[in-house]
C-alpha atoms as a PDB file:
ATOM      1  CA  MET A   1       0.000   0.000   0.000  1.00  0.00           C
ATOM      2  CA  ASN A   2       1.392   3.359  -1.026  1.00  0.00           C
ATOM      3  CA  TRP A   3       0.736   5.766   1.864  1.00  0.00           C
ATOM      4  CA  HIS A   4       1.896   8.824  -0.076  1.00  0.00           C
ATOM      5  CA  ARG A   5      -0.747   8.105  -2.685  1.00  0.00           C
ATOM      6  CA  HIS A   6      -3.462   7.901  -0.024  1.00  0.00           C
ATOM      7  CA  LEU A   7      -2.223  11.010   1.765  1.00  0.00           C
ATOM      8  CA  GLU A   8      -2.399  12.927  -1.508  1.00  0.00           C
ATOM      9  CA  LEU A   9      -6.138  12.166  -1.670  1.00  0.00           C
ATOM     10  CA  VAL A  10      -6.985  13.340   1.874  1.00  0.00           C
ATOM     11  CA  PRO A  11      -7.391  17.042   0.945  1.00  0.00           C
ATOM     12  CA  HIS A  12      -9.737  16.059  -1.877  1.00  0.00           C
ATOM     13  CA  TYR A  13     -11.873  13.909   0.431  1.00  0.00           C
ATOM     14  CA  LEU A  14     -12.066  16.801   2.891  1.00  0.00           C
ATOM     15  CA  ALA A  15     -12.909  19.316   0.159  1.00  0.00           C
ATOM     16  CA  ASN A  16     -15.611  17.001  -1.156  1.00  0.00           C
ATOM     17  CA  LEU A  17     -17.077  16.650   2.341  1.00  0.00           C
ATOM     18  CA  VAL A  18     -17.078  20.420   2.875  1.00  0.00           C
ATOM     19  CA  LEU A  19     -18.740  21.010  -0.503  1.00  0.00           C
ATOM     20  CA  VAL A  20     -21.432  18.435   0.291  1.00  0.00           C
ATOM     21  CA  LEU A  21     -22.117  20.060   3.664  1.00  0.00           C
ATOM     22  CA  LEU A  22     -22.277  23.508   2.058  1.00  0.00           C
ATOM     23  CA  ALA A  23     -24.613  22.290  -0.685  1.00  0.00           C
ATOM     24  CA  VAL A  24     -27.000  20.616   1.751  1.00  0.00           C
ATOM     25  CA  GLY A  25     -26.850  23.635   4.069  1.00  0.00           C
ATOM     26  CA  ALA A  26     -27.625  26.024   1.210  1.00  0.00           C
ATOM     27  CA  LEU A  27     -30.436  23.779   0.023  1.00  0.00           C
ATOM     28  CA  ARG A  28     -31.963  23.736   3.501  1.00  0.00           C
ATOM     29  CA  ARG A  29     -31.618  27.507   3.820  1.00  0.00           C
ATOM     30  CA  VAL A  30     -33.330  28.122   0.467  1.00  0.00           C
ATOM     31  CA  ALA A  31     -35.956  25.362   0.482  1.00  0.00           C
ATOM     32  CA  GLY A  32     -36.535  24.780   4.189  1.00  0.00           C
ATOM     33  CA  ASP A  33     -36.777  21.021   4.668  1.00  0.00           C
ATOM     34  CA  PRO A  34     -36.682  19.596   1.133  1.00  0.00           C
ATOM     35  CA  GLY A  35     -36.681  15.981   2.263  1.00  0.00           C
ATOM     36  CA  THR A  36     -34.150  13.202   2.176  1.00  0.00           C
ATOM     37  CA  PRO A  37     -34.463  12.298  -1.538  1.00  0.00           C
ATOM     38  CA  VAL A  38     -33.733  15.883  -2.605  1.00  0.00           C
ATOM     39  CA  GLU A  39     -30.790  16.153  -0.207  1.00  0.00           C
ATOM     40  CA  LEU A  40     -29.471  12.816  -1.447  1.00  0.00           C
ATOM     41  CA  ALA A  41     -29.724  14.056  -5.032  1.00  0.00           C
ATOM     42  CA  ALA A  42     -27.720  17.160  -4.093  1.00  0.00           C
ATOM     43  CA  VAL A  43     -25.050  15.012  -2.421  1.00  0.00           C
ATOM     44  CA  VAL A  44     -24.796  12.712  -5.444  1.00  0.00           C
ATOM     45  CA  ALA A  45     -24.567  15.699  -7.799  1.00  0.00           C
ATOM     46  CA  VAL A  46     -21.716  17.275  -5.816  1.00  0.00           C
ATOM     47  CA  VAL A  47     -19.810  14.008  -5.426  1.00  0.00           C
ATOM     48  CA  LEU A  48     -20.103  13.135  -9.121  1.00  0.00           C
ATOM     49  CA  ALA A  49     -19.239  16.640 -10.325  1.00  0.00           C
ATOM     50  CA  TYR A  50     -16.206  17.067  -8.055  1.00  0.00           C
ATOM     51  CA  PRO A  51     -13.646  15.017 -10.058  1.00  0.00           C
ATOM     52  CA  SER A  52     -14.552  16.726 -13.336  1.00  0.00           C
ATOM     53  CA  VAL A  53     -14.299  20.195 -11.813  1.00  0.00           C
ATOM     54  CA  VAL A  54     -10.978  19.401 -10.131  1.00  0.00           C
ATOM     55  CA  ARG A  55      -9.521  18.021 -13.362  1.00  0.00           C
ATOM     56  CA  ARG A  56     -10.721  21.064 -15.315  1.00  0.00           C
ATOM     57  CA  LEU A  57      -9.094  23.366 -12.745  1.00  0.00           C
ATOM     58  CA  GLY A  58      -5.852  21.413 -13.104  1.00  0.00           C
ATOM     59  CA  VAL A  59      -5.497  20.411  -9.455  1.00  0.00           C
ATOM     60  CA  ALA A  60      -6.337  16.716  -9.756  1.00  0.00           C
ATOM     61  CA  PRO A  61      -4.103  14.423  -7.706  1.00  0.00           C
ATOM     62  CA  SER A  62      -1.673  12.214  -9.571  1.00  0.00           C
ATOM     63  CA  ALA A  63      -3.368   9.185  -7.979  1.00  0.00           C
ATOM     64  CA  TRP A  64      -6.321   9.812 -10.303  1.00  0.00           C
ATOM     65  CA  GLU A  65      -4.102   9.893 -13.372  1.00  0.00           C
ATOM     66  CA  ASP A  66      -2.353   6.532 -12.968  1.00  0.00           C
ATOM     67  CA  PRO A  67      -4.654   4.006 -11.219  1.00  0.00           C
ATOM     68  CA  GLY A  68      -2.331   1.076 -11.992  1.00  0.00           C
ATOM     69  CA  GLU A  69       0.261   1.882  -9.341  1.00  0.00           C
END
């Protein structure tokens, strides 16, 4: 197991978590209590969009580029 590879991903996991919390918080502030299915949809949207946005910004970790190692 390559610990440096895993440590490189920690900031991205934390950023993803913060973005999910912000998205759900904003959704609750705007829509009140939208319900679990709507919140789940927001979480899925953020989690699925994150890698594409990070790659487009050019800050993707090298662990995402070479999965074979």
